[in-house]
């Protein structure tokens, strides 16, 4: 017997836990900048971030960074005028 709920689940019931924000270290920032020079933008932007993450995995794995974290950091650095 399968019961169907009367209302859809709330966001808190379906969403994943939000990760605690960990600021990028100087070493991570330098690795990101080096990676951007080593792997210039191509037709597939996602590939660029994955390549940088894979190449500098020893640095980015310490804080469990993802390719999306790298992309977001790059975007924020552009917006703040850091690069």
C-alpha atoms as a PDB file:
ATOM      1  CA  UNK A   1       0.000   0.000   0.000  1.00  0.00           C
ATOM      2  CA  UNK A   2       1.544   3.322  -1.123  1.00  0.00           C
ATOM      3  CA  UNK A   3       0.371   6.500   0.556  1.00  0.00           C
ATOM      4  CA  UNK A   4       0.561   9.797  -1.310  1.00  0.00           C
ATOM      5  CA  UNK A   5       1.058  12.925   0.815  1.00  0.00           C
ATOM      6  CA  UNK A   6      -1.544  15.679   0.630  1.00  0.00           C
ATOM      7  CA  UNK A   7       1.066  18.410   0.135  1.00  0.00           C
ATOM      8  CA  UNK A   8       4.419  18.521  -1.615  1.00  0.00           C
ATOM      9  CA  UNK A   9       7.516  18.312   0.588  1.00  0.00           C
ATOM     10  CA  UNK A  10       8.895  21.571   1.936  1.00  0.00           C
ATOM     11  CA  UNK A  11      12.216  22.904   0.724  1.00  0.00           C
ATOM     12  CA  UNK A  12      13.891  21.913   3.995  1.00  0.00           C
ATOM     13  CA  UNK A  13      12.726  18.344   3.484  1.00  0.00           C
ATOM     14  CA  UNK A  14      14.170  18.059  -0.023  1.00  0.00           C
ATOM     15  CA  UNK A  15      17.248  20.281  -0.130  1.00  0.00           C
ATOM     16  CA  UNK A  16      20.780  19.161   0.567  1.00  0.00           C
ATOM     17  CA  UNK A  17      22.660  20.614   3.494  1.00  0.00           C
ATOM     18  CA  UNK A  18      24.354  23.889   2.632  1.00  0.00           C
ATOM     19  CA  UNK A  19      28.125  23.719   2.829  1.00  0.00           C
ATOM     20  CA  UNK A  20      29.909  25.990   5.274  1.00  0.00           C
ATOM     21  CA  UNK A  21      31.688  28.790   3.443  1.00  0.00           C
ATOM     22  CA  UNK A  22      35.464  28.413   3.549  1.00  0.00           C
ATOM     23  CA  UNK A  23      37.406  31.378   2.141  1.00  0.00           C
ATOM     24  CA  UNK A  24      40.003  30.599  -0.533  1.00  0.00           C
ATOM     25  CA  UNK A  25      43.547  30.459   0.794  1.00  0.00           C
ATOM     26  CA  UNK A  26      46.353  32.429  -0.855  1.00  0.00           C
ATOM     27  CA  UNK A  27      47.695  29.138  -2.216  1.00  0.00           C
ATOM     28  CA  UNK A  28      44.318  28.236  -3.751  1.00  0.00           C
ATOM     29  CA  UNK A  29      44.002  31.684  -5.325  1.00  0.00           C
ATOM     30  CA  UNK A  30      47.503  31.448  -6.814  1.00  0.00           C
ATOM     31  CA  UNK A  31      46.744  27.950  -8.159  1.00  0.00           C
ATOM     32  CA  UNK A  32      43.530  29.232  -9.753  1.00  0.00           C
ATOM     33  CA  UNK A  33      45.369  32.104 -11.446  1.00  0.00           C
ATOM     34  CA  UNK A  34      48.141  29.762 -12.682  1.00  0.00           C
ATOM     35  CA  UNK A  35      45.511  27.341 -13.938  1.00  0.00           C
ATOM     36  CA  UNK A  36      43.722  30.085 -15.864  1.00  0.00           C
ATOM     37  CA  UNK A  37      46.979  30.844 -17.696  1.00  0.00           C
ATOM     38  CA  UNK A  38      47.762  27.174 -18.293  1.00  0.00           C
ATOM     39  CA  UNK A  39      44.243  26.269 -19.507  1.00  0.00           C
ATOM     40  CA  UNK A  40      42.903  29.219 -21.530  1.00  0.00           C
ATOM     41  CA  UNK A  41      39.211  29.497 -22.261  1.00  0.00           C
ATOM     42  CA  UNK A  42      37.947  27.176 -24.963  1.00  0.00           C
ATOM     43  CA  UNK A  43      34.547  26.391 -26.421  1.00  0.00           C
ATOM     44  CA  UNK A  44      33.534  24.513 -23.263  1.00  0.00           C
ATOM     45  CA  UNK A  45      34.017  26.691 -20.163  1.00  0.00           C
ATOM     46  CA  UNK A  46      33.125  23.808 -17.837  1.00  0.00           C
ATOM     47  CA  UNK A  47      36.057  21.808 -19.151  1.00  0.00           C
ATOM     48  CA  UNK A  48      38.437  24.586 -18.199  1.00  0.00           C
ATOM     49  CA  UNK A  49      37.437  24.534 -14.532  1.00  0.00           C
ATOM     50  CA  UNK A  50      37.561  20.735 -14.417  1.00  0.00           C
ATOM     51  CA  UNK A  51      41.051  20.740 -15.926  1.00  0.00           C
ATOM     52  CA  UNK A  52      42.303  23.319 -13.428  1.00  0.00           C
ATOM     53  CA  UNK A  53      40.751  21.364 -10.554  1.00  0.00           C
ATOM     54  CA  UNK A  54      42.324  18.103 -11.734  1.00  0.00           C
ATOM     55  CA  UNK A  55      45.761  19.644 -12.359  1.00  0.00           C
ATOM     56  CA  UNK A  56      45.937  21.326  -8.936  1.00  0.00           C
ATOM     57  CA  UNK A  57      43.959  18.677  -7.046  1.00  0.00           C
ATOM     58  CA  UNK A  58      46.578  18.459  -4.290  1.00  0.00           C
ATOM     59  CA  UNK A  59      45.851  22.105  -3.427  1.00  0.00           C
ATOM     60  CA  UNK A  60      42.076  22.259  -3.993  1.00  0.00           C
ATOM     61  CA  UNK A  61      41.277  18.921  -2.319  1.00  0.00           C
ATOM     62  CA  UNK A  62      42.282  20.283   1.105  1.00  0.00           C
ATOM     63  CA  UNK A  63      39.056  22.323   1.272  1.00  0.00           C
ATOM     64  CA  UNK A  64      37.029  20.010  -1.004  1.00  0.00           C
ATOM     65  CA  UNK A  65      36.750  22.581  -3.806  1.00  0.00           C
ATOM     66  CA  UNK A  66      34.633  21.811  -6.866  1.00  0.00           C
ATOM     67  CA  UNK A  67      34.856  23.118 -10.415  1.00  0.00           C
ATOM     68  CA  UNK A  68      31.841  25.316  -9.571  1.00  0.00           C
ATOM     69  CA  UNK A  69      33.761  26.818  -6.618  1.00  0.00           C
ATOM     70  CA  UNK A  70      36.599  27.728  -9.011  1.00  0.00           C
ATOM     71  CA  UNK A  71      34.199  29.304 -11.492  1.00  0.00           C
ATOM     72  CA  UNK A  72      32.502  31.314  -8.746  1.00  0.00           C
ATOM     73  CA  UNK A  73      35.818  32.496  -7.309  1.00  0.00           C
ATOM     74  CA  UNK A  74      36.891  33.642 -10.796  1.00  0.00           C
ATOM     75  CA  UNK A  75      33.593  35.497 -11.280  1.00  0.00           C
ATOM     76  CA  UNK A  76      33.935  37.214  -7.894  1.00  0.00           C
ATOM     77  CA  UNK A  77      37.554  38.185  -8.601  1.00  0.00           C
ATOM     78  CA  UNK A  78      36.451  39.786 -11.883  1.00  0.00           C
ATOM     79  CA  UNK A  79      33.623  41.663 -10.153  1.00  0.00           C
ATOM     80  CA  UNK A  80      35.896  42.994  -7.403  1.00  0.00           C
ATOM     81  CA  UNK A  81      38.642  44.063  -9.834  1.00  0.00           C
ATOM     82  CA  UNK A  82      41.218  41.613  -8.453  1.00  0.00           C
ATOM     83  CA  UNK A  83      41.887  40.437 -12.005  1.00  0.00           C
END
